[in-house]
Amino acid sequence: MPLDTLIARIDALAGSSPRVIVGIAGSPGSGKTTLATALVEQLGERATHLPMDGFHLANRTLDRLGRRARKGAIDTFDGRGFVALLERVRRETGHTVYAPSFRREVDEPVAGEIAIEPAARIVIVEGNYLLAEQDPWIRVRDLLDEAWFCEAPADVRERRLVERHTLGGRSVEAATEFARTVDGANAELIERTAHRADLRVSGATWEARL
C-alpha cells in the first residue's frame, strides 16, 4: 500500500505521546488534502484531519478589507486564530477541542464543525501556509511534531485548480485566470517554504523523500 511508509513514520512519532501533530503544507492543488484524508482513513479513530481552510476570513470581511478578489492569499486567513487553535490542540488533550471547517459549496468557514476528541492521539493538519516565515505563521512550525511538504508539477496543480474553480461556478476562462494569477502568486510564496519541511511527499504518488 503506498501509504505504508508514511503511516509507519507517524506511528514512530506517536510512541507514548498523548498527542502528535503532523503538518502537511503545499501549494494549491498539490494534493495535500487528498493525502491528509487518506492518512486519517488508514489511521482510523485515533486520528483527526484538521484543515487550515477553516480559518479563511468570511467573505463579508474580505469585501470590507478589499481582499475578496484574491481569496486564498496569506492575508485572507486568520493566522493568529489558527496558531491559537494549534496551541490548544497541543495542550488540551483531556477534552474535546472544536475547530472550524470550510464548506466549498457556500465558500465560507463553518464554526465548530470539527471535533478533536481526547481519543485523537494523532492530528493531521494541512494547509498552504504551515511553513510560512512571517508572523504569526512562523510560530506554526514549532507546534508541529513533524512537517511534510506535498508537491506536484505546476501543470498538474493548474489542471486540478481549474477543475475545482469551475465546479465552484467559474467559467473555464475565469477559473484558468484565477489559477494562474491568484493561486499562482500564492504558490510562489508557498514553494519557497519547502526547505523548512522534514519530508517532501509527491501529491501524485505519495512517494516520500528527505
N, C-alpha and C. Protein backbone atom coordinates (compact mmCIF):
# COMPACT_ATOMS: atom_id res chain seq x y z
N MET A 1 0.86 -1.20 0.00
CA MET A 1 0.00 0.00 0.00
C MET A 1 0.89 1.25 0.00
N PRO A 2 0.65 2.22 -0.86
CA PRO A 2 1.53 3.39 -0.98
C PRO A 2 1.71 4.20 0.29
N LEU A 3 0.75 4.16 1.19
CA LEU A 3 0.83 4.97 2.40
C LEU A 3 1.60 4.30 3.54
N ASP A 4 2.03 3.06 3.35
CA ASP A 4 2.63 2.32 4.44
C ASP A 4 3.80 3.04 5.10
N THR A 5 4.69 3.57 4.29
CA THR A 5 5.88 4.23 4.83
C THR A 5 5.49 5.45 5.66
N LEU A 6 4.52 6.22 5.16
CA LEU A 6 4.10 7.42 5.88
C LEU A 6 3.36 7.07 7.17
N ILE A 7 2.53 6.03 7.13
CA ILE A 7 1.84 5.58 8.34
C ILE A 7 2.84 5.12 9.39
N ALA A 8 3.84 4.36 8.95
CA ALA A 8 4.86 3.88 9.88
C ALA A 8 5.62 5.04 10.50
N ARG A 9 5.87 6.07 9.71
CA ARG A 9 6.58 7.24 10.23
C ARG A 9 5.75 7.95 11.31
N ILE A 10 4.45 8.06 11.06
CA ILE A 10 3.57 8.68 12.05
C ILE A 10 3.51 7.83 13.31
N ASP A 11 3.39 6.51 13.16
CA ASP A 11 3.34 5.63 14.32
C ASP A 11 4.60 5.76 15.17
N ALA A 12 5.75 5.90 14.50
CA ALA A 12 7.01 6.06 15.23
C ALA A 12 7.03 7.38 16.00
N LEU A 13 6.47 8.41 15.41
CA LEU A 13 6.39 9.71 16.10
C LEU A 13 5.46 9.63 17.31
N ALA A 14 4.36 8.91 17.15
CA ALA A 14 3.35 8.86 18.20
C ALA A 14 3.89 8.25 19.48
N GLY A 15 4.54 7.09 19.37
CA GLY A 15 5.11 6.47 20.55
C GLY A 15 4.13 6.46 21.71
N SER A 16 4.57 7.01 22.84
CA SER A 16 3.70 7.08 24.02
C SER A 16 3.21 8.50 24.27
N SER A 17 3.36 9.39 23.28
CA SER A 17 2.95 10.78 23.46
C SER A 17 1.43 10.89 23.55
N PRO A 18 0.93 11.81 24.35
CA PRO A 18 -0.52 11.98 24.44
C PRO A 18 -1.13 12.45 23.13
N ARG A 19 -0.36 13.22 22.35
CA ARG A 19 -0.87 13.67 21.04
C ARG A 19 0.29 14.09 20.15
N VAL A 20 0.21 13.70 18.88
CA VAL A 20 1.19 14.08 17.87
C VAL A 20 0.49 14.89 16.80
N ILE A 21 1.13 15.97 16.38
CA ILE A 21 0.58 16.81 15.32
C ILE A 21 1.54 16.79 14.13
N VAL A 22 1.04 16.31 13.00
CA VAL A 22 1.82 16.27 11.77
C VAL A 22 1.21 17.28 10.80
N GLY A 23 2.04 18.16 10.28
CA GLY A 23 1.56 19.17 9.34
C GLY A 23 1.91 18.84 7.91
N ILE A 24 0.97 19.03 7.01
CA ILE A 24 1.20 18.83 5.58
C ILE A 24 0.96 20.17 4.89
N ALA A 25 2.05 20.77 4.41
CA ALA A 25 1.96 22.03 3.68
C ALA A 25 2.04 21.75 2.18
N GLY A 26 1.76 22.77 1.39
CA GLY A 26 1.86 22.61 -0.06
C GLY A 26 1.06 23.67 -0.78
N SER A 27 1.38 23.86 -2.04
CA SER A 27 0.70 24.86 -2.85
C SER A 27 -0.72 24.42 -3.18
N PRO A 28 -1.59 25.35 -3.59
CA PRO A 28 -2.93 24.98 -4.02
C PRO A 28 -2.89 23.94 -5.14
N GLY A 29 -3.68 22.89 -4.98
CA GLY A 29 -3.75 21.85 -5.99
C GLY A 29 -2.65 20.81 -5.91
N SER A 30 -1.83 20.85 -4.87
CA SER A 30 -0.71 19.90 -4.77
C SER A 30 -1.15 18.50 -4.34
N GLY A 31 -2.34 18.39 -3.74
CA GLY A 31 -2.82 17.09 -3.29
C GLY A 31 -2.74 16.87 -1.80
N LYS A 32 -2.48 17.93 -1.05
CA LYS A 32 -2.29 17.78 0.40
C LYS A 32 -3.57 17.36 1.12
N THR A 33 -4.72 17.84 0.69
CA THR A 33 -5.97 17.44 1.32
C THR A 33 -6.26 15.96 1.06
N THR A 34 -6.03 15.53 -0.17
CA THR A 34 -6.23 14.11 -0.52
C THR A 34 -5.31 13.23 0.32
N LEU A 35 -4.06 13.65 0.46
CA LEU A 35 -3.11 12.88 1.27
C LEU A 35 -3.55 12.84 2.73
N ALA A 36 -3.91 13.98 3.29
CA ALA A 36 -4.34 14.02 4.69
C ALA A 36 -5.56 13.14 4.92
N THR A 37 -6.51 13.19 4.01
CA THR A 37 -7.72 12.37 4.13
C THR A 37 -7.38 10.89 4.09
N ALA A 38 -6.50 10.50 3.17
CA ALA A 38 -6.10 9.09 3.06
C ALA A 38 -5.39 8.61 4.32
N LEU A 39 -4.53 9.45 4.89
CA LEU A 39 -3.83 9.08 6.12
C LEU A 39 -4.81 8.85 7.26
N VAL A 40 -5.76 9.77 7.41
CA VAL A 40 -6.72 9.64 8.51
C VAL A 40 -7.60 8.43 8.33
N GLU A 41 -7.98 8.13 7.10
CA GLU A 41 -8.78 6.93 6.85
C GLU A 41 -8.03 5.67 7.28
N GLN A 42 -6.73 5.62 7.01
CA GLN A 42 -5.93 4.46 7.38
C GLN A 42 -5.66 4.41 8.88
N LEU A 43 -5.48 5.55 9.50
CA LEU A 43 -5.16 5.60 10.93
C LEU A 43 -6.39 5.36 11.80
N GLY A 44 -7.56 5.60 11.27
CA GLY A 44 -8.80 5.30 11.99
C GLY A 44 -9.15 6.31 13.06
N GLU A 45 -9.84 5.86 14.08
CA GLU A 45 -10.41 6.75 15.10
C GLU A 45 -9.37 7.47 15.93
N ARG A 46 -8.14 7.00 15.90
CA ARG A 46 -7.11 7.67 16.70
C ARG A 46 -6.57 8.92 16.01
N ALA A 47 -7.05 9.22 14.80
CA ALA A 47 -6.56 10.37 14.05
C ALA A 47 -7.70 11.29 13.64
N THR A 48 -7.37 12.59 13.52
CA THR A 48 -8.32 13.60 13.07
C THR A 48 -7.65 14.48 12.03
N HIS A 49 -8.43 14.87 11.03
CA HIS A 49 -7.95 15.76 9.96
C HIS A 49 -8.35 17.19 10.32
N LEU A 50 -7.37 18.07 10.37
CA LEU A 50 -7.62 19.48 10.72
C LEU A 50 -7.11 20.38 9.60
N PRO A 51 -7.98 20.80 8.67
CA PRO A 51 -7.56 21.70 7.59
C PRO A 51 -7.43 23.14 8.08
N MET A 52 -6.45 23.83 7.54
CA MET A 52 -6.27 25.25 7.84
C MET A 52 -7.38 26.10 7.23
N ASP A 53 -8.07 25.57 6.22
CA ASP A 53 -9.04 26.35 5.46
C ASP A 53 -10.19 26.90 6.30
N GLY A 54 -10.45 26.29 7.46
CA GLY A 54 -11.49 26.81 8.32
C GLY A 54 -11.20 28.21 8.83
N PHE A 55 -9.96 28.66 8.65
CA PHE A 55 -9.57 29.99 9.13
C PHE A 55 -9.55 31.03 8.02
N HIS A 56 -10.19 30.72 6.87
CA HIS A 56 -10.48 31.76 5.88
C HIS A 56 -11.27 32.87 6.58
N LEU A 57 -10.96 34.11 6.29
CA LEU A 57 -11.83 35.19 6.73
C LEU A 57 -13.15 35.12 5.96
N ALA A 58 -14.22 35.52 6.61
CA ALA A 58 -15.54 35.50 5.98
C ALA A 58 -15.55 36.41 4.75
N ASN A 59 -16.37 36.06 3.77
CA ASN A 59 -16.44 36.85 2.55
C ASN A 59 -16.81 38.32 2.82
N ARG A 60 -17.69 38.52 3.78
CA ARG A 60 -18.08 39.90 4.11
C ARG A 60 -16.88 40.68 4.64
N THR A 61 -16.04 40.01 5.43
CA THR A 61 -14.85 40.66 5.96
C THR A 61 -13.86 40.94 4.83
N LEU A 62 -13.71 39.98 3.93
CA LEU A 62 -12.81 40.19 2.79
C LEU A 62 -13.28 41.34 1.91
N ASP A 63 -14.59 41.46 1.74
CA ASP A 63 -15.14 42.60 0.98
C ASP A 63 -14.78 43.92 1.66
N ARG A 64 -14.94 43.94 2.98
CA ARG A 64 -14.65 45.17 3.71
C ARG A 64 -13.17 45.55 3.62
N LEU A 65 -12.31 44.53 3.60
CA LEU A 65 -10.87 44.77 3.54
C LEU A 65 -10.35 44.94 2.10
N GLY A 66 -11.24 44.71 1.13
CA GLY A 66 -10.83 44.81 -0.27
C GLY A 66 -9.94 43.67 -0.73
N ARG A 67 -10.13 42.46 -0.14
CA ARG A 67 -9.25 41.33 -0.47
C ARG A 67 -10.00 40.16 -1.10
N ARG A 68 -11.27 40.32 -1.37
CA ARG A 68 -12.10 39.20 -1.85
C ARG A 68 -11.58 38.62 -3.17
N ALA A 69 -11.08 39.49 -4.04
CA ALA A 69 -10.66 39.04 -5.37
C ALA A 69 -9.45 38.13 -5.32
N ARG A 70 -8.71 38.13 -4.21
CA ARG A 70 -7.55 37.25 -4.09
C ARG A 70 -7.67 36.35 -2.87
N LYS A 71 -8.89 35.90 -2.64
CA LYS A 71 -9.16 34.98 -1.54
C LYS A 71 -8.25 33.75 -1.66
N GLY A 72 -7.60 33.39 -0.57
CA GLY A 72 -6.64 32.30 -0.58
C GLY A 72 -5.22 32.79 -0.34
N ALA A 73 -4.99 34.11 -0.51
CA ALA A 73 -3.69 34.69 -0.18
C ALA A 73 -3.49 34.64 1.33
N ILE A 74 -2.25 34.75 1.75
CA ILE A 74 -1.93 34.54 3.16
C ILE A 74 -2.65 35.53 4.08
N ASP A 75 -2.89 36.76 3.60
CA ASP A 75 -3.55 37.75 4.45
C ASP A 75 -5.07 37.69 4.36
N THR A 76 -5.60 36.61 3.77
CA THR A 76 -7.06 36.40 3.77
C THR A 76 -7.45 35.31 4.76
N PHE A 77 -6.50 34.93 5.63
CA PHE A 77 -6.75 33.96 6.69
C PHE A 77 -6.54 34.61 8.05
N ASP A 78 -7.17 34.03 9.06
CA ASP A 78 -6.96 34.45 10.45
C ASP A 78 -5.78 33.64 11.00
N GLY A 79 -4.58 34.10 10.72
CA GLY A 79 -3.38 33.37 11.12
C GLY A 79 -3.24 33.25 12.63
N ARG A 80 -3.54 34.30 13.35
CA ARG A 80 -3.40 34.25 14.81
C ARG A 80 -4.42 33.30 15.43
N GLY A 81 -5.61 33.27 14.86
CA GLY A 81 -6.60 32.33 15.35
C GLY A 81 -6.18 30.90 15.11
N PHE A 82 -5.55 30.65 13.96
CA PHE A 82 -5.07 29.31 13.63
C PHE A 82 -3.97 28.87 14.59
N VAL A 83 -3.03 29.77 14.86
CA VAL A 83 -1.96 29.45 15.81
C VAL A 83 -2.53 29.16 17.20
N ALA A 84 -3.49 29.97 17.62
CA ALA A 84 -4.10 29.77 18.93
C ALA A 84 -4.79 28.41 19.02
N LEU A 85 -5.44 28.01 17.94
CA LEU A 85 -6.10 26.69 17.94
C LEU A 85 -5.06 25.57 18.05
N LEU A 86 -3.98 25.66 17.30
CA LEU A 86 -2.94 24.63 17.38
C LEU A 86 -2.36 24.54 18.79
N GLU A 87 -2.20 25.68 19.44
CA GLU A 87 -1.72 25.67 20.82
C GLU A 87 -2.69 24.91 21.72
N ARG A 88 -3.98 25.09 21.50
CA ARG A 88 -4.99 24.37 22.27
C ARG A 88 -4.96 22.88 21.97
N VAL A 89 -4.86 22.55 20.69
CA VAL A 89 -4.81 21.13 20.28
C VAL A 89 -3.61 20.44 20.93
N ARG A 90 -2.50 21.14 20.98
CA ARG A 90 -1.30 20.60 21.61
C ARG A 90 -1.47 20.42 23.12
N ARG A 91 -2.09 21.39 23.76
CA ARG A 91 -2.13 21.45 25.21
C ARG A 91 -3.35 20.74 25.82
N GLU A 92 -4.51 20.86 25.16
CA GLU A 92 -5.76 20.41 25.77
C GLU A 92 -6.15 19.03 25.24
N THR A 93 -5.57 18.02 25.84
CA THR A 93 -5.81 16.64 25.37
C THR A 93 -6.85 15.90 26.19
N GLY A 94 -7.36 16.51 27.25
CA GLY A 94 -8.30 15.83 28.13
C GLY A 94 -9.76 16.10 27.82
N HIS A 95 -10.04 16.97 26.86
CA HIS A 95 -11.43 17.25 26.48
C HIS A 95 -11.48 17.59 25.00
N THR A 96 -12.69 17.66 24.46
CA THR A 96 -12.87 17.94 23.03
C THR A 96 -12.51 19.40 22.72
N VAL A 97 -11.75 19.57 21.65
CA VAL A 97 -11.45 20.91 21.14
C VAL A 97 -12.16 21.04 19.78
N TYR A 98 -12.94 22.08 19.63
CA TYR A 98 -13.70 22.27 18.39
C TYR A 98 -12.97 23.25 17.47
N ALA A 99 -13.04 22.97 16.17
CA ALA A 99 -12.35 23.79 15.17
C ALA A 99 -13.30 24.07 14.01
N PRO A 100 -13.08 25.17 13.30
CA PRO A 100 -13.92 25.47 12.14
C PRO A 100 -13.52 24.65 10.92
N SER A 101 -14.49 24.40 10.06
CA SER A 101 -14.23 23.76 8.77
C SER A 101 -14.46 24.80 7.68
N PHE A 102 -14.29 24.38 6.43
CA PHE A 102 -14.59 25.26 5.30
C PHE A 102 -15.46 24.52 4.32
N ARG A 103 -16.59 25.10 3.96
CA ARG A 103 -17.53 24.48 3.03
C ARG A 103 -17.42 25.15 1.66
N ARG A 104 -16.94 24.40 0.68
CA ARG A 104 -16.78 24.98 -0.66
C ARG A 104 -18.11 25.34 -1.30
N GLU A 105 -19.18 24.59 -0.93
CA GLU A 105 -20.47 24.86 -1.56
C GLU A 105 -21.03 26.23 -1.19
N VAL A 106 -20.63 26.76 -0.04
CA VAL A 106 -21.06 28.11 0.34
C VAL A 106 -19.88 29.08 0.35
N ASP A 107 -18.67 28.56 0.14
CA ASP A 107 -17.45 29.36 0.08
C ASP A 107 -17.22 30.14 1.37
N GLU A 108 -17.52 29.49 2.51
CA GLU A 108 -17.39 30.14 3.82
C GLU A 108 -16.94 29.13 4.87
N PRO A 109 -16.29 29.62 5.93
CA PRO A 109 -15.99 28.75 7.08
C PRO A 109 -17.26 28.42 7.85
N VAL A 110 -17.24 27.28 8.55
CA VAL A 110 -18.34 26.87 9.42
C VAL A 110 -17.75 26.64 10.81
N ALA A 111 -18.21 27.40 11.78
CA ALA A 111 -17.62 27.35 13.12
C ALA A 111 -17.91 26.02 13.82
N GLY A 112 -16.92 25.51 14.53
CA GLY A 112 -17.09 24.38 15.45
C GLY A 112 -17.50 23.07 14.82
N GLU A 113 -17.28 22.87 13.52
CA GLU A 113 -17.75 21.65 12.86
C GLU A 113 -16.79 20.46 13.08
N ILE A 114 -15.52 20.74 13.31
CA ILE A 114 -14.54 19.67 13.51
C ILE A 114 -14.32 19.46 15.01
N ALA A 115 -14.53 18.23 15.46
CA ALA A 115 -14.35 17.89 16.88
C ALA A 115 -13.07 17.07 17.03
N ILE A 116 -12.12 17.60 17.77
CA ILE A 116 -10.88 16.88 18.05
C ILE A 116 -11.04 16.28 19.44
N GLU A 117 -11.39 15.01 19.45
CA GLU A 117 -11.71 14.32 20.70
C GLU A 117 -10.45 13.93 21.45
N PRO A 118 -10.56 13.67 22.76
CA PRO A 118 -9.40 13.22 23.53
C PRO A 118 -8.77 11.95 22.96
N ALA A 119 -9.57 11.11 22.31
CA ALA A 119 -9.04 9.86 21.74
C ALA A 119 -8.19 10.09 20.50
N ALA A 120 -8.23 11.30 19.96
CA ALA A 120 -7.44 11.61 18.75
C ALA A 120 -6.00 11.89 19.15
N ARG A 121 -5.21 10.84 19.17
CA ARG A 121 -3.80 10.97 19.55
C ARG A 121 -2.94 11.49 18.39
N ILE A 122 -3.50 11.46 17.20
CA ILE A 122 -2.79 11.95 16.01
C ILE A 122 -3.67 12.97 15.31
N VAL A 123 -3.13 14.15 15.08
CA VAL A 123 -3.85 15.19 14.36
C VAL A 123 -3.05 15.53 13.10
N ILE A 124 -3.70 15.36 11.96
CA ILE A 124 -3.08 15.68 10.68
C ILE A 124 -3.58 17.06 10.25
N VAL A 125 -2.71 18.05 10.34
CA VAL A 125 -3.03 19.41 9.97
C VAL A 125 -2.56 19.65 8.54
N GLU A 126 -3.38 20.29 7.72
CA GLU A 126 -2.90 20.59 6.37
C GLU A 126 -3.34 21.98 5.94
N GLY A 127 -2.47 22.61 5.14
CA GLY A 127 -2.79 23.94 4.66
C GLY A 127 -1.63 24.55 3.89
N ASN A 128 -1.92 25.63 3.22
CA ASN A 128 -0.92 26.26 2.37
C ASN A 128 0.26 26.84 3.13
N TYR A 129 -0.01 27.46 4.27
CA TYR A 129 0.98 28.35 4.86
C TYR A 129 1.58 27.84 6.17
N LEU A 130 1.57 26.54 6.37
CA LEU A 130 2.09 25.99 7.63
C LEU A 130 3.58 26.27 7.82
N LEU A 131 4.30 26.48 6.73
CA LEU A 131 5.74 26.70 6.83
C LEU A 131 6.15 28.13 6.49
N ALA A 132 5.17 29.01 6.37
CA ALA A 132 5.47 30.41 6.05
C ALA A 132 6.31 31.03 7.16
N GLU A 133 7.16 31.98 6.79
CA GLU A 133 8.13 32.51 7.74
C GLU A 133 7.79 33.88 8.29
N GLN A 134 6.61 34.43 7.92
CA GLN A 134 6.23 35.70 8.51
C GLN A 134 5.32 35.48 9.71
N ASP A 135 5.30 36.45 10.59
CA ASP A 135 4.46 36.40 11.79
C ASP A 135 3.00 36.53 11.38
N PRO A 136 2.06 35.78 11.96
CA PRO A 136 2.23 34.81 13.05
C PRO A 136 2.52 33.39 12.58
N TRP A 137 2.55 33.19 11.26
CA TRP A 137 2.66 31.83 10.71
C TRP A 137 3.95 31.13 11.11
N ILE A 138 5.01 31.89 11.33
CA ILE A 138 6.28 31.27 11.68
C ILE A 138 6.20 30.49 12.99
N ARG A 139 5.19 30.79 13.79
CA ARG A 139 5.00 30.07 15.07
C ARG A 139 4.41 28.68 14.87
N VAL A 140 3.84 28.42 13.69
CA VAL A 140 3.19 27.13 13.45
C VAL A 140 4.19 25.98 13.51
N ARG A 141 5.36 26.17 12.91
CA ARG A 141 6.31 25.06 12.78
C ARG A 141 6.68 24.46 14.13
N ASP A 142 6.83 25.29 15.15
CA ASP A 142 7.20 24.79 16.49
C ASP A 142 6.07 24.03 17.17
N LEU A 143 4.86 24.16 16.64
CA LEU A 143 3.71 23.45 17.22
C LEU A 143 3.48 22.10 16.55
N LEU A 144 4.29 21.79 15.52
CA LEU A 144 4.17 20.53 14.80
C LEU A 144 5.29 19.59 15.22
N ASP A 145 4.95 18.31 15.41
CA ASP A 145 6.00 17.32 15.68
C ASP A 145 6.82 17.05 14.43
N GLU A 146 6.17 17.13 13.27
CA GLU A 146 6.87 16.96 12.01
C GLU A 146 6.10 17.71 10.94
N ALA A 147 6.81 18.22 9.94
CA ALA A 147 6.17 18.93 8.83
C ALA A 147 6.57 18.28 7.52
N TRP A 148 5.58 18.05 6.67
CA TRP A 148 5.80 17.49 5.33
C TRP A 148 5.40 18.53 4.30
N PHE A 149 6.06 18.47 3.14
CA PHE A 149 5.68 19.35 2.04
C PHE A 149 5.18 18.50 0.90
N CYS A 150 3.93 18.70 0.53
CA CYS A 150 3.30 17.94 -0.57
C CYS A 150 3.51 18.71 -1.86
N GLU A 151 4.07 18.05 -2.86
CA GLU A 151 4.39 18.76 -4.10
C GLU A 151 3.86 18.04 -5.32
N ALA A 152 3.60 18.82 -6.36
CA ALA A 152 3.13 18.29 -7.64
C ALA A 152 3.59 19.25 -8.73
N PRO A 153 3.79 18.77 -9.95
CA PRO A 153 4.19 19.66 -11.05
C PRO A 153 3.18 20.78 -11.26
N ALA A 154 3.66 21.91 -11.73
CA ALA A 154 2.81 23.08 -11.91
C ALA A 154 1.63 22.81 -12.83
N ASP A 155 1.85 22.04 -13.90
CA ASP A 155 0.75 21.79 -14.83
C ASP A 155 -0.33 20.91 -14.20
N VAL A 156 0.09 19.98 -13.32
CA VAL A 156 -0.88 19.14 -12.62
C VAL A 156 -1.69 19.98 -11.65
N ARG A 157 -1.01 20.85 -10.93
CA ARG A 157 -1.71 21.71 -9.98
C ARG A 157 -2.70 22.62 -10.70
N GLU A 158 -2.28 23.18 -11.82
CA GLU A 158 -3.19 24.07 -12.55
C GLU A 158 -4.42 23.32 -13.04
N ARG A 159 -4.24 22.13 -13.57
CA ARG A 159 -5.38 21.34 -14.04
C ARG A 159 -6.37 21.06 -12.91
N ARG A 160 -5.85 20.68 -11.75
CA ARG A 160 -6.72 20.42 -10.60
C ARG A 160 -7.45 21.68 -10.16
N LEU A 161 -6.75 22.80 -10.17
CA LEU A 161 -7.35 24.05 -9.71
C LEU A 161 -8.43 24.54 -10.66
N VAL A 162 -8.20 24.42 -11.95
CA VAL A 162 -9.22 24.83 -12.92
C VAL A 162 -10.48 23.99 -12.72
N GLU A 163 -10.30 22.70 -12.52
CA GLU A 163 -11.45 21.84 -12.27
C GLU A 163 -12.18 22.25 -10.99
N ARG A 164 -11.42 22.54 -9.95
CA ARG A 164 -12.02 22.95 -8.67
C ARG A 164 -12.80 24.25 -8.83
N HIS A 165 -12.21 25.23 -9.51
CA HIS A 165 -12.86 26.53 -9.64
C HIS A 165 -14.08 26.48 -10.55
N THR A 166 -14.03 25.64 -11.58
CA THR A 166 -15.23 25.51 -12.43
C THR A 166 -16.36 24.82 -11.67
N LEU A 167 -16.02 23.85 -10.84
CA LEU A 167 -17.05 23.22 -10.00
C LEU A 167 -17.65 24.24 -9.04
N GLY A 168 -16.85 25.25 -8.67
CA GLY A 168 -17.34 26.29 -7.79
C GLY A 168 -18.15 27.36 -8.49
N GLY A 169 -18.29 27.25 -9.81
CA GLY A 169 -19.17 28.17 -10.53
C GLY A 169 -18.50 29.10 -11.51
N ARG A 170 -17.16 29.10 -11.57
CA ARG A 170 -16.48 29.96 -12.52
C ARG A 170 -16.50 29.34 -13.92
N SER A 171 -16.41 30.20 -14.93
CA SER A 171 -16.23 29.70 -16.29
C SER A 171 -14.82 29.13 -16.41
N VAL A 172 -14.58 28.34 -17.43
CA VAL A 172 -13.24 27.78 -17.63
C VAL A 172 -12.22 28.90 -17.77
N GLU A 173 -12.58 29.97 -18.48
CA GLU A 173 -11.65 31.08 -18.68
C GLU A 173 -11.34 31.77 -17.35
N ALA A 174 -12.37 32.04 -16.56
CA ALA A 174 -12.17 32.71 -15.27
C ALA A 174 -11.41 31.80 -14.31
N ALA A 175 -11.71 30.50 -14.34
CA ALA A 175 -11.03 29.55 -13.47
C ALA A 175 -9.54 29.47 -13.82
N THR A 176 -9.24 29.47 -15.11
CA THR A 176 -7.85 29.41 -15.54
C THR A 176 -7.11 30.68 -15.14
N GLU A 177 -7.75 31.82 -15.29
CA GLU A 177 -7.14 33.09 -14.91
C GLU A 177 -6.85 33.13 -13.41
N PHE A 178 -7.80 32.68 -12.60
CA PHE A 178 -7.60 32.68 -11.15
C PHE A 178 -6.47 31.73 -10.77
N ALA A 179 -6.44 30.56 -11.40
CA ALA A 179 -5.40 29.57 -11.09
C ALA A 179 -4.01 30.10 -11.44
N ARG A 180 -3.92 30.88 -12.50
CA ARG A 180 -2.61 31.36 -12.94
C ARG A 180 -2.17 32.64 -12.23
N THR A 181 -3.12 33.43 -11.76
CA THR A 181 -2.76 34.70 -11.12
C THR A 181 -2.78 34.58 -9.60
N VAL A 182 -3.97 34.44 -9.01
CA VAL A 182 -4.07 34.40 -7.55
C VAL A 182 -3.41 33.14 -6.99
N ASP A 183 -3.83 31.96 -7.47
CA ASP A 183 -3.22 30.72 -6.98
C ASP A 183 -1.74 30.66 -7.34
N GLY A 184 -1.41 31.17 -8.52
CA GLY A 184 -0.01 31.15 -8.94
C GLY A 184 0.87 32.00 -8.05
N ALA A 185 0.39 33.19 -7.68
CA ALA A 185 1.16 34.07 -6.79
C ALA A 185 1.32 33.43 -5.41
N ASN A 186 0.25 32.80 -4.92
CA ASN A 186 0.34 32.13 -3.61
C ASN A 186 1.34 30.98 -3.67
N ALA A 187 1.33 30.24 -4.78
CA ALA A 187 2.24 29.10 -4.92
C ALA A 187 3.69 29.54 -4.88
N GLU A 188 3.99 30.70 -5.46
CA GLU A 188 5.38 31.19 -5.44
C GLU A 188 5.86 31.37 -4.00
N LEU A 189 5.02 31.92 -3.15
CA LEU A 189 5.38 32.09 -1.74
C LEU A 189 5.52 30.74 -1.04
N ILE A 190 4.55 29.87 -1.29
CA ILE A 190 4.50 28.58 -0.60
C ILE A 190 5.68 27.70 -0.98
N GLU A 191 6.01 27.65 -2.27
CA GLU A 191 7.12 26.80 -2.72
C GLU A 191 8.43 27.22 -2.08
N ARG A 192 8.58 28.49 -1.75
CA ARG A 192 9.81 28.96 -1.11
C ARG A 192 9.95 28.49 0.33
N THR A 193 8.87 27.95 0.89
CA THR A 193 8.92 27.49 2.29
C THR A 193 9.23 26.00 2.40
N ALA A 194 9.37 25.30 1.28
CA ALA A 194 9.53 23.84 1.30
C ALA A 194 10.78 23.40 2.07
N HIS A 195 11.80 24.24 2.11
CA HIS A 195 13.04 23.86 2.78
C HIS A 195 12.86 23.66 4.28
N ARG A 196 11.76 24.14 4.84
CA ARG A 196 11.52 24.01 6.27
C ARG A 196 10.85 22.68 6.64
N ALA A 197 10.52 21.88 5.64
CA ALA A 197 9.85 20.60 5.88
C ALA A 197 10.86 19.51 6.23
N ASP A 198 10.39 18.53 7.00
CA ASP A 198 11.21 17.35 7.31
C ASP A 198 11.21 16.35 6.16
N LEU A 199 10.16 16.40 5.36
CA LEU A 199 9.95 15.39 4.33
C LEU A 199 9.20 16.01 3.17
N ARG A 200 9.55 15.61 1.95
CA ARG A 200 8.78 16.01 0.78
C ARG A 200 8.02 14.80 0.27
N VAL A 201 6.76 15.00 -0.05
CA VAL A 201 5.90 13.90 -0.48
C VAL A 201 5.24 14.27 -1.79
N SER A 202 5.26 13.35 -2.74
CA SER A 202 4.60 13.58 -4.02
C SER A 202 3.09 13.59 -3.84
N GLY A 203 2.45 14.62 -4.37
CA GLY A 203 0.99 14.69 -4.33
C GLY A 203 0.32 13.81 -5.35
N ALA A 204 1.11 13.13 -6.16
CA ALA A 204 0.55 12.22 -7.17
C ALA A 204 0.76 10.77 -6.78
N THR A 205 1.97 10.44 -6.30
CA THR A 205 2.29 9.05 -5.99
C THR A 205 2.48 8.79 -4.49
N TRP A 206 2.59 9.87 -3.71
CA TRP A 206 2.87 9.79 -2.27
C TRP A 206 4.24 9.18 -1.97
N GLU A 207 5.11 9.22 -2.97
CA GLU A 207 6.49 8.80 -2.75
C GLU A 207 7.18 9.86 -1.89
N ALA A 208 7.83 9.43 -0.83
CA ALA A 208 8.44 10.36 0.11
C ALA A 208 9.95 10.44 -0.10
N ARG A 209 10.49 11.64 0.15
CA ARG A 209 11.95 11.79 0.12
C ARG A 209 12.34 12.86 1.13
N LEU A 210 13.51 12.71 1.71
CA LEU A 210 14.01 13.66 2.69
C LEU A 210 14.49 14.93 1.99
